PDB file of N, CA and C in Angstrom:
ATOM      1  N   MET A   1     -27.783  80.737 243.978  1.00  0.00           N
ATOM      2  CA  MET A   1     -29.028  80.235 243.414  1.00  0.00           C
ATOM      3  C   MET A   1     -29.140  80.653 241.963  1.00  0.00           C
ATOM      4  N   ARG A   2     -28.785  81.886 241.609  1.00  0.00           N
ATOM      5  CA  ARG A   2     -28.885  82.338 240.226  1.00  0.00           C
ATOM      6  C   ARG A   2     -28.090  81.495 239.307  1.00  0.00           C
ATOM      7  N   ASP A   3     -26.806  81.082 239.794  1.00  0.00           N
ATOM      8  CA  ASP A   3     -25.946  80.264 238.905  1.00  0.00           C
ATOM      9  C   ASP A   3     -26.555  78.910 238.668  1.00  0.00           C
ATOM     10  N   VAL A   4     -27.200  78.344 239.673  1.00  0.00           N
ATOM     11  CA  VAL A   4     -27.874  77.016 239.519  1.00  0.00           C
ATOM     12  C   VAL A   4     -29.013  77.112 238.540  1.00  0.00           C
ATOM     13  N   LEU A   5     -29.803  78.204 238.596  1.00  0.00           N
ATOM     14  CA  LEU A   5     -30.888  78.408 237.702  1.00  0.00           C
ATOM     15  C   LEU A   5     -30.396  78.607 236.283  1.00  0.00           C
ATOM     16  N   VAL A   6     -29.342  79.332 236.116  1.00  0.00           N
ATOM     17  CA  VAL A   6     -28.741  79.502 234.798  1.00  0.00           C
ATOM     18  C   VAL A   6     -28.310  78.171 234.195  1.00  0.00           C
ATOM     19  N   ARG A   7     -27.685  77.321 234.988  1.00  0.00           N
ATOM     20  CA  ARG A   7     -27.270  76.010 234.487  1.00  0.00           C
ATOM     21  C   ARG A   7     -28.469  75.149 234.100  1.00  0.00           C
ATOM     22  N   ILE A   8     -29.454  75.173 234.908  1.00  0.00           N
ATOM     23  CA  ILE A   8     -30.675  74.356 234.610  1.00  0.00           C
ATOM     24  C   ILE A   8     -31.312  74.810 233.323  1.00  0.00           C
ATOM     25  N   LEU A   9     -31.407  76.110 233.154  1.00  0.00           N
ATOM     26  CA  LEU A   9     -32.038  76.684 231.952  1.00  0.00           C
ATOM     27  C   LEU A   9     -31.198  76.403 230.670  1.00  0.00           C
ATOM     28  N   LYS A  10     -29.903  76.560 230.837  1.00  0.00           N
ATOM     29  CA  LYS A  10     -29.021  76.316 229.646  1.00  0.00           C
ATOM     30  C   LYS A  10     -29.052  74.837 229.281  1.00  0.00           C
ATOM     31  N   ARG A  11     -29.141  73.931 230.210  1.00  0.00           N
ATOM     32  CA  ARG A  11     -29.217  72.535 229.896  1.00  0.00           C
ATOM     33  C   ARG A  11     -30.509  72.202 229.154  1.00  0.00           C
ATOM     34  N   ARG A  12     -31.545  73.013 229.344  1.00  0.00           N
ATOM     35  CA  ARG A  12     -32.788  72.810 228.708  1.00  0.00           C
ATOM     36  C   ARG A  12     -32.797  73.501 227.243  1.00  0.00           C
ATOM     37  N   GLY A  13     -31.693  74.207 226.988  1.00  0.00           N
ATOM     38  CA  GLY A  13     -31.604  74.801 225.650  1.00  0.00           C
ATOM     39  C   GLY A  13     -31.950  76.306 225.605  1.00  0.00           C
ATOM     40  N   TYR A  14     -32.141  76.900 226.765  1.00  0.00           N
ATOM     41  CA  TYR A  14     -32.465  78.338 226.799  1.00  0.00           C
ATOM     42  C   TYR A  14     -31.254  79.199 226.651  1.00  0.00           C
ATOM     43  N   GLU A  15     -31.409  80.357 226.031  1.00  0.00           N
ATOM     44  CA  GLU A  15     -30.358  81.338 226.016  1.00  0.00           C
ATOM     45  C   GLU A  15     -30.638  82.196 227.288  1.00  0.00           C
ATOM     46  N   VAL A  16     -29.618  82.300 228.111  1.00  0.00           N
ATOM     47  CA  VAL A  16     -29.849  82.945 229.453  1.00  0.00           C
ATOM     48  C   VAL A  16     -28.899  84.185 229.587  1.00  0.00           C
ATOM     49  N   VAL A  17     -29.505  85.230 230.022  1.00  0.00           N
ATOM     50  CA  VAL A  17     -28.769  86.405 230.461  1.00  0.00           C
ATOM     51  C   VAL A  17     -29.270  86.732 231.840  1.00  0.00           C
ATOM     52  N   ALA A  18     -28.374  86.622 232.846  1.00  0.00           N
ATOM     53  CA  ALA A  18     -28.794  86.763 234.236  1.00  0.00           C
ATOM     54  C   ALA A  18     -28.293  88.037 234.804  1.00  0.00           C
ATOM     55  N   PHE A  19     -29.171  88.712 235.539  1.00  0.00           N
ATOM     56  CA  PHE A  19     -28.804  89.947 236.237  1.00  0.00           C
ATOM     57  C   PHE A  19     -29.153  89.796 237.713  1.00  0.00           C
ATOM     58  N   GLU A  20     -28.420  90.461 238.570  1.00  0.00           N
ATOM     59  CA  GLU A  20     -28.629  90.395 239.977  1.00  0.00           C
ATOM     60  C   GLU A  20     -30.041  90.995 240.369  1.00  0.00           C
ATOM     61  N   HIS A  21     -30.504  91.910 239.623  1.00  0.00           N
ATOM     62  CA  HIS A  21     -31.750  92.645 239.884  1.00  0.00           C
ATOM     63  C   HIS A  21     -32.353  93.055 238.591  1.00  0.00           C
ATOM     64  N   PRO A  22     -33.721  92.992 238.446  1.00  0.00           N
ATOM     65  CA  PRO A  22     -34.297  93.385 237.161  1.00  0.00           C
ATOM     66  C   PRO A  22     -33.973  94.836 236.777  1.00  0.00           C
ATOM     67  N   GLY A  23     -33.758  95.654 237.768  1.00  0.00           N
ATOM     68  CA  GLY A  23     -33.373  97.035 237.496  1.00  0.00           C
ATOM     69  C   GLY A  23     -32.050  97.215 236.816  1.00  0.00           C
ATOM     70  N   LEU A  24     -31.257  96.151 236.703  1.00  0.00           N
ATOM     71  CA  LEU A  24     -29.936  96.196 236.062  1.00  0.00           C
ATOM     72  C   LEU A  24     -30.068  95.726 234.619  1.00  0.00           C
ATOM     73  N   CYS A  25     -31.143  95.151 234.223  1.00  0.00           N
ATOM     74  CA  CYS A  25     -31.319  94.640 232.847  1.00  0.00           C
ATOM     75  C   CYS A  25     -31.691  95.796 231.916  1.00  0.00           C
ATOM     76  N   PRO A  26     -30.897  96.036 230.868  1.00  0.00           N
ATOM     77  CA  PRO A  26     -31.170  97.191 229.989  1.00  0.00           C
ATOM     78  C   PRO A  26     -32.473  97.027 229.254  1.00  0.00           C
ATOM     79  N   VAL A  27     -32.924  95.842 228.962  1.00  0.00           N
ATOM     80  CA  VAL A  27     -34.234  95.636 228.282  1.00  0.00           C
ATOM     81  C   VAL A  27     -35.343  95.965 229.248  1.00  0.00           C
ATOM     82  N   HIS A  28     -35.241  95.507 230.434  1.00  0.00           N
ATOM     83  CA  HIS A  28     -36.276  95.765 231.513  1.00  0.00           C
ATOM     84  C   HIS A  28     -36.348  97.306 231.721  1.00  0.00           C
ATOM     85  N   ILE A  29     -35.231  97.962 231.797  1.00  0.00           N
ATOM     86  CA  ILE A  29     -35.199  99.375 231.998  1.00  0.00           C
ATOM     87  C   ILE A  29     -35.875 100.132 230.796  1.00  0.00           C
ATOM     88  N   ARG A  30     -35.566  99.701 229.600  1.00  0.00           N
ATOM     89  CA  ARG A  30     -36.080 100.352 228.428  1.00  0.00           C
ATOM     90  C   ARG A  30     -37.556 100.037 228.107  1.00  0.00           C
ATOM     91  N   LEU A  31     -37.940  98.775 228.258  1.00  0.00           N
ATOM     92  CA  LEU A  31     -39.273  98.330 227.805  1.00  0.00           C
ATOM     93  C   LEU A  31     -40.184  97.829 228.956  1.00  0.00           C
ATOM     94  N   GLY A  32     -39.705  97.651 230.143  1.00  0.00           N
ATOM     95  CA  GLY A  32     -40.496  97.117 231.187  1.00  0.00           C
ATOM     96  C   GLY A  32     -40.523  95.575 231.096  1.00  0.00           C
ATOM     97  N   CYS A  33     -41.178  94.977 231.990  1.00  0.00           N
ATOM     98  CA  CYS A  33     -41.256  93.492 231.980  1.00  0.00           C
ATOM     99  C   CYS A  33     -42.482  93.072 231.148  1.00  0.00           C
ATOM    100  N   LYS A  34     -42.208  92.394 230.076  1.00  0.00           N
ATOM    101  CA  LYS A  34     -43.304  91.926 229.211  1.00  0.00           C
ATOM    102  C   LYS A  34     -43.292  90.389 229.094  1.00  0.00           C
ATOM    103  N   ILE A  35     -42.680  89.758 230.044  1.00  0.00           N
ATOM    104  CA  ILE A  35     -42.561  88.301 230.060  1.00  0.00           C
ATOM    105  C   ILE A  35     -43.860  87.685 230.524  1.00  0.00           C
ATOM    106  N   ARG A  36     -44.331  86.644 229.817  1.00  0.00           N
ATOM    107  CA  ARG A  36     -45.562  85.936 230.176  1.00  0.00           C
ATOM    108  C   ARG A  36     -45.354  84.970 231.340  1.00  0.00           C
ATOM    109  N   ASN A  37     -44.266  84.235 231.358  1.00  0.00           N
ATOM    110  CA  ASN A  37     -44.100  83.257 232.385  1.00  0.00           C
ATOM    111  C   ASN A  37     -43.097  83.796 233.428  1.00  0.00           C
ATOM    112  N   VAL A  38     -43.606  84.164 234.564  1.00  0.00           N
ATOM    113  CA  VAL A  38     -42.822  84.703 235.645  1.00  0.00           C
ATOM    114  C   VAL A  38     -42.869  83.811 236.899  1.00  0.00           C
ATOM    115  N   ALA A  39     -41.696  83.494 237.415  1.00  0.00           N
ATOM    116  CA  ALA A  39     -41.678  82.701 238.664  1.00  0.00           C
ATOM    117  C   ALA A  39     -40.869  83.549 239.687  1.00  0.00           C
ATOM    118  N   LEU A  40     -41.468  83.622 240.868  1.00  0.00           N
ATOM    119  CA  LEU A  40     -40.824  84.290 241.963  1.00  0.00           C
ATOM    120  C   LEU A  40     -40.351  83.263 242.992  1.00  0.00           C
ATOM    121  N   MET A  41     -39.163  83.473 243.593  1.00  0.00           N
ATOM    122  CA  MET A  41     -38.593  82.531 244.529  1.00  0.00           C
ATOM    123  C   MET A  41     -38.186  83.217 245.788  1.00  0.00           C
ATOM    124  N   SER A  42     -38.625  82.701 246.945  1.00  0.00           N
ATOM    125  CA  SER A  42     -38.179  83.246 248.191  1.00  0.00           C
ATOM    126  C   SER A  42     -38.247  82.189 249.265  1.00  0.00           C
ATOM    127  N   GLY A  43     -37.481  82.364 250.319  1.00  0.00           N
ATOM    128  CA  GLY A  43     -37.527  81.514 251.518  1.00  0.00           C
ATOM    129  C   GLY A  43     -38.296  82.099 252.616  1.00  0.00           C
ATOM    130  N   ALA A  44     -38.863  83.289 252.401  1.00  0.00           N
ATOM    131  CA  ALA A  44     -39.563  84.011 253.528  1.00  0.00           C
ATOM    132  C   ALA A  44     -40.799  84.678 252.963  1.00  0.00           C
ATOM    133  N   TRP A  45     -41.692  83.923 252.353  1.00  0.00           N
ATOM    134  CA  TRP A  45     -42.924  84.508 251.832  1.00  0.00           C
ATOM    135  C   TRP A  45     -43.882  84.865 252.918  1.00  0.00           C
ATOM    136  N   GLU A  46     -44.557  85.965 252.826  1.00  0.00           N
ATOM    137  CA  GLU A  46     -45.711  86.366 253.612  1.00  0.00           C
ATOM    138  C   GLU A  46     -46.960  86.166 252.776  1.00  0.00           C
ATOM    139  N   LEU A  47     -48.024  85.773 253.350  1.00  0.00           N
ATOM    140  CA  LEU A  47     -49.245  85.448 252.590  1.00  0.00           C
ATOM    141  C   LEU A  47     -49.714  86.647 251.675  1.00  0.00           C
ATOM    142  N   PRO A  48     -49.666  87.885 252.114  1.00  0.00           N
ATOM    143  CA  PRO A  48     -49.989  89.002 251.185  1.00  0.00           C
ATOM    144  C   PRO A  48     -49.095  89.004 249.918  1.00  0.00           C
ATOM    145  N   GLU A  49     -47.831  88.703 250.081  1.00  0.00           N
ATOM    146  CA  GLU A  49     -46.932  88.651 248.914  1.00  0.00           C
ATOM    147  C   GLU A  49     -47.273  87.538 247.962  1.00  0.00           C
ATOM    148  N   ILE A  50     -47.614  86.360 248.534  1.00  0.00           N
ATOM    149  CA  ILE A  50     -48.008  85.249 247.671  1.00  0.00           C
ATOM    150  C   ILE A  50     -49.292  85.585 246.880  1.00  0.00           C
ATOM    151  N   ASN A  51     -50.234  86.192 247.601  1.00  0.00           N
ATOM    152  CA  ASN A  51     -51.530  86.536 246.958  1.00  0.00           C
ATOM    153  C   ASN A  51     -51.301  87.593 245.877  1.00  0.00           C
ATOM    154  N   ARG A  52     -50.413  88.571 246.116  1.00  0.00           N
ATOM    155  CA  ARG A  52     -50.162  89.603 245.095  1.00  0.00           C
ATOM    156  C   ARG A  52     -49.465  88.957 243.926  1.00  0.00           C
ATOM    157  N   ALA A  53     -48.482  88.062 244.188  1.00  0.00           N
ATOM    158  CA  ALA A  53     -47.753  87.397 243.067  1.00  0.00           C
ATOM    159  C   ALA A  53     -48.791  86.633 242.168  1.00  0.00           C
ATOM    160  N   HIS A  54     -49.728  85.936 242.833  1.00  0.00           N
ATOM    161  CA  HIS A  54     -50.689  85.211 242.034  1.00  0.00           C
ATOM    162  C   HIS A  54     -51.654  86.129 241.289  1.00  0.00           C
ATOM    163  N   GLN A  55     -52.027  87.252 241.918  1.00  0.00           N
ATOM    164  CA  GLN A  55     -52.847  88.263 241.246  1.00  0.00           C
ATOM    165  C   GLN A  55     -52.154  88.777 239.920  1.00  0.00           C
ATOM    166  N   LEU A  56     -50.854  88.890 239.963  1.00  0.00           N
ATOM    167  CA  LEU A  56     -50.079  89.401 238.853  1.00  0.00           C
ATOM    168  C   LEU A  56     -49.784  88.228 237.865  1.00  0.00           C
ATOM    169  N   GLY A  57     -50.222  87.031 238.132  1.00  0.00           N
ATOM    170  CA  GLY A  57     -49.987  85.935 237.230  1.00  0.00           C
ATOM    171  C   GLY A  57     -48.661  85.205 237.366  1.00  0.00           C
ATOM    172  N   ALA A  58     -47.960  85.476 238.422  1.00  0.00           N
ATOM    173  CA  ALA A  58     -46.672  84.841 238.683  1.00  0.00           C
ATOM    174  C   ALA A  58     -46.821  83.525 239.429  1.00  0.00           C
ATOM    175  N   SER A  59     -45.925  82.611 239.173  1.00  0.00           N
ATOM    176  CA  SER A  59     -45.868  81.393 239.972  1.00  0.00           C
ATOM    177  C   SER A  59     -44.863  81.585 241.078  1.00  0.00           C
ATOM    178  N   VAL A  60     -45.137  80.963 242.226  1.00  0.00           N
ATOM    179  CA  VAL A  60     -44.323  81.170 243.447  1.00  0.00           C
ATOM    180  C   VAL A  60     -43.630  79.890 243.811  1.00  0.00           C
ATOM    181  N   PHE A  61     -42.386  79.950 244.058  1.00  0.00           N
ATOM    182  CA  PHE A  61     -41.615  78.858 244.520  1.00  0.00           C
ATOM    183  C   PHE A  61     -41.048  79.136 245.962  1.00  0.00           C
ATOM    184  N   ASN A  62     -41.197  78.268 246.874  1.00  0.00           N
ATOM    185  CA  ASN A  62     -40.611  78.446 248.171  1.00  0.00           C
ATOM    186  C   ASN A  62     -39.212  77.784 248.212  1.00  0.00           C
ATOM    187  N   LYS A  63     -38.277  78.540 248.697  1.00  0.00           N
ATOM    188  CA  LYS A  63     -36.878  78.058 248.873  1.00  0.00           C
ATOM    189  C   LYS A  63     -36.861  77.242 250.129  1.00  0.00           C
ATOM    190  N   PRO A  64     -36.150  76.115 250.154  1.00  0.00           N
ATOM    191  CA  PRO A  64     -35.561  75.491 248.970  1.00  0.00           C
ATOM    192  C   PRO A  64     -36.671  74.770 248.207  1.00  0.00           C
ATOM    193  N   PHE A  65     -36.522  74.770 246.882  1.00  0.00           N
ATOM    194  CA  PHE A  65     -37.446  74.060 245.986  1.00  0.00           C
ATOM    195  C   PHE A  65     -36.690  73.032 245.217  1.00  0.00           C
ATOM    196  N   SER A  66     -37.379  72.113 244.707  1.00  0.00           N
ATOM    197  CA  SER A  66     -36.751  71.023 244.001  1.00  0.00           C
ATOM    198  C   SER A  66     -36.584  71.340 242.517  1.00  0.00           C
ATOM    199  N   VAL A  67     -35.511  70.803 241.903  1.00  0.00           N
ATOM    200  CA  VAL A  67     -35.309  70.969 240.448  1.00  0.00           C
ATOM    201  C   VAL A  67     -36.464  70.288 239.732  1.00  0.00           C
ATOM    202  N   LYS A  68     -36.984  69.209 240.253  1.00  0.00           N
ATOM    203  CA  LYS A  68     -38.150  68.559 239.655  1.00  0.00           C
ATOM    204  C   LYS A  68     -39.357  69.508 239.586  1.00  0.00           C
ATOM    205  N   ASP A  69     -39.554  70.271 240.626  1.00  0.00           N
ATOM    206  CA  ASP A  69     -40.725  71.241 240.600  1.00  0.00           C
ATOM    207  C   ASP A  69     -40.483  72.375 239.552  1.00  0.00           C
ATOM    208  N   LEU A  70     -39.198  72.836 239.474  1.00  0.00           N
ATOM    209  CA  LEU A  70     -38.898  73.870 238.545  1.00  0.00           C
ATOM    210  C   LEU A  70     -39.045  73.319 237.142  1.00  0.00           C
ATOM    211  N   ASN A  71     -38.528  72.144 236.864  1.00  0.00           N
ATOM    212  CA  ASN A  71     -38.676  71.506 235.513  1.00  0.00           C
ATOM    213  C   ASN A  71     -40.169  71.289 235.151  1.00  0.00           C
ATOM    214  N   ALA A  72     -40.989  70.901 236.164  1.00  0.00           N
ATOM    215  CA  ALA A  72     -42.409  70.726 235.854  1.00  0.00           C
ATOM    216  C   ALA A  72     -43.052  72.071 235.478  1.00  0.00           C
ATOM    217  N   TRP A  73     -42.670  73.163 236.136  1.00  0.00           N
ATOM    218  CA  TRP A  73     -43.161  74.513 235.766  1.00  0.00           C
ATOM    219  C   TRP A  73     -42.739  74.869 234.362  1.00  0.00           C
ATOM    220  N   LEU A  74     -41.443  74.661 234.045  1.00  0.00           N
ATOM    221  CA  LEU A  74     -40.883  74.917 232.729  1.00  0.00           C
ATOM    222  C   LEU A  74     -41.639  74.093 231.689  1.00  0.00           C
ATOM    223  N   ASP A  75     -41.888  72.826 231.911  1.00  0.00           N
ATOM    224  CA  ASP A  75     -42.628  71.995 231.032  1.00  0.00           C
ATOM    225  C   ASP A  75     -43.952  72.608 230.665  1.00  0.00           C
ATOM    226  N   GLU A  76     -44.679  73.081 231.713  1.00  0.00           N
ATOM    227  CA  GLU A  76     -46.024  73.759 231.452  1.00  0.00           C
ATOM    228  C   GLU A  76     -45.840  74.997 230.670  1.00  0.00           C
ATOM    229  N   CYS A  77     -44.808  75.807 230.977  1.00  0.00           N
ATOM    230  CA  CYS A  77     -44.594  77.006 230.155  1.00  0.00           C
ATOM    231  C   CYS A  77     -44.314  76.768 228.727  1.00  0.00           C
ATOM    232  N   GLU A  78     -43.528  75.737 228.513  1.00  0.00           N
ATOM    233  CA  GLU A  78     -43.085  75.395 227.122  1.00  0.00           C
ATOM    234  C   GLU A  78     -44.275  74.921 226.274  1.00  0.00           C
ATOM    235  N   LYS A  79     -45.292  74.394 226.886  1.00  0.00           N
ATOM    236  CA  LYS A  79     -46.499  73.967 226.151  1.00  0.00           C
ATOM    237  C   LYS A  79     -47.134  75.104 225.423  1.00  0.00           C
ATOM    238  N   ASN A  80     -46.967  76.327 225.871  1.00  0.00           N
ATOM    239  CA  ASN A  80     -47.619  77.508 225.315  1.00  0.00           C
ATOM    240  C   ASN A  80     -46.675  78.293 224.397  1.00  0.00           C
ATOM    241  N   ILE A  81     -45.490  77.736 224.119  1.00  0.00           N
ATOM    242  CA  ILE A  81     -44.601  78.473 223.233  1.00  0.00           C
ATOM    243  C   ILE A  81     -44.748  77.985 221.789  1.00  0.00           C
ATOM    244  N   GLU A  82     -44.915  78.900 220.881  1.00  0.00           N
ATOM    245  CA  GLU A  82     -45.074  78.578 219.486  1.00  0.00           C
ATOM    246  C   GLU A  82     -43.751  78.090 218.945  1.00  0.00           C
ATOM    247  N   PRO A  83     -43.701  76.858 218.438  1.00  0.00           N
ATOM    248  CA  PRO A  83     -42.422  76.294 217.938  1.00  0.00           C
ATOM    249  C   PRO A  83     -41.710  77.096 216.929  1.00  0.00           C
ATOM    250  N   GLY A  84     -42.477  77.827 216.008  1.00  0.00           N
ATOM    251  CA  GLY A  84     -41.809  78.534 214.920  1.00  0.00           C
ATOM    252  C   GLY A  84     -41.509  79.925 215.264  1.00  0.00           C
ATOM    253  N   ARG A  85     -41.631  80.357 216.493  1.00  0.00           N
ATOM    254  CA  ARG A  85     -41.496  81.792 216.834  1.00  0.00           C
ATOM    255  C   ARG A  85     -40.062  82.221 216.630  1.00  0.00           C
ATOM    256  N   ALA A  86     -39.888  83.510 216.340  1.00  0.00           N
ATOM    257  CA  ALA A  86     -38.561  84.144 216.191  1.00  0.00           C
ATOM    258  C   ALA A  86     -38.053  84.508 217.586  1.00  0.00           C
ATOM    259  N   LEU A  87     -36.792  84.245 217.818  1.00  0.00           N
ATOM    260  CA  LEU A  87     -36.252  84.661 219.095  1.00  0.00           C
ATOM    261  C   LEU A  87     -35.917  86.166 219.052  1.00  0.00           C
ATOM    262  N   SER A  88     -35.842  86.733 220.184  1.00  0.00           N
ATOM    263  CA  SER A  88     -35.602  88.142 220.361  1.00  0.00           C
ATOM    264  C   SER A  88     -34.117  88.455 220.043  1.00  0.00           C
ATOM    265  N   ASP A  89     -33.957  89.609 219.481  1.00  0.00           N
ATOM    266  CA  ASP A  89     -32.526  90.040 219.234  1.00  0.00           C
ATOM    267  C   ASP A  89     -32.210  91.190 220.193  1.00  0.00           C
ATOM    268  N   LEU A  90     -32.843  91.280 221.333  1.00  0.00           N
ATOM    269  CA  LEU A  90     -32.693  92.433 222.184  1.00  0.00           C
ATOM    270  C   LEU A  90     -31.245  92.585 222.731  1.00  0.00           C
ATOM    271  N   PHE A  91     -30.541  91.442 222.818  1.00  0.00           N
ATOM    272  CA  PHE A  91     -29.178  91.497 223.343  1.00  0.00           C
ATOM    273  C   PHE A  91     -28.137  91.302 222.232  1.00  0.00           C
ATOM    274  N   ALA A  92     -28.601  91.312 220.971  1.00  0.00           N
ATOM    275  CA  ALA A  92     -27.569  91.189 219.852  1.00  0.00           C
ATOM    276  C   ALA A  92     -26.778  92.416 219.711  1.00  0.00           C
ATOM    277  N   PRO A  93     -25.517  92.285 219.372  1.00  0.00           N
ATOM    278  CA  PRO A  93     -24.732  93.476 219.119  1.00  0.00           C
ATOM    279  C   PRO A  93     -25.275  94.351 218.017  1.00  0.00           C
ATOM    280  N   LYS A  94     -25.190  95.662 218.209  1.00  0.00           N
ATOM    281  CA  LYS A  94     -25.706  96.581 217.221  1.00  0.00           C
ATOM    282  C   LYS A  94     -24.715  96.633 216.062  1.00  0.00           C
ATOM    283  N   PRO A  95     -25.201  96.650 214.784  1.00  0.00           N
ATOM    284  CA  PRO A  95     -24.326  96.759 213.647  1.00  0.00           C
ATOM    285  C   PRO A  95     -23.578  98.110 213.654  1.00  0.00           C
ATOM    286  N   SER A  96     -22.301  98.128 213.285  1.00  0.00           N
ATOM    287  CA  SER A  96     -21.539  99.369 213.314  1.00  0.00           C
ATOM    288  C   SER A  96     -21.628 100.180 212.057  1.00  0.00           C
TER     289      SER A  96
END
């Protein structure tokens, strides 16, 4: 699933760094999660989990979900992105 999502995002022009678990991401470890647009995906949601995700501002996708639905969510997220914003250099190599 992760590989499919990476391909979809790269086709849309995103720079993608994928980790098996957020706890493996060095930026997440150092700074915590500061991402505005969060989508959670599962094939076994319980109602309390869905409610909690929505309380935290996350979108919820039930597996299997369609690429069309994912693209629609991405379209909505992109409407709120400032076109002239600077991209993060969090993963850029450090100068020696």
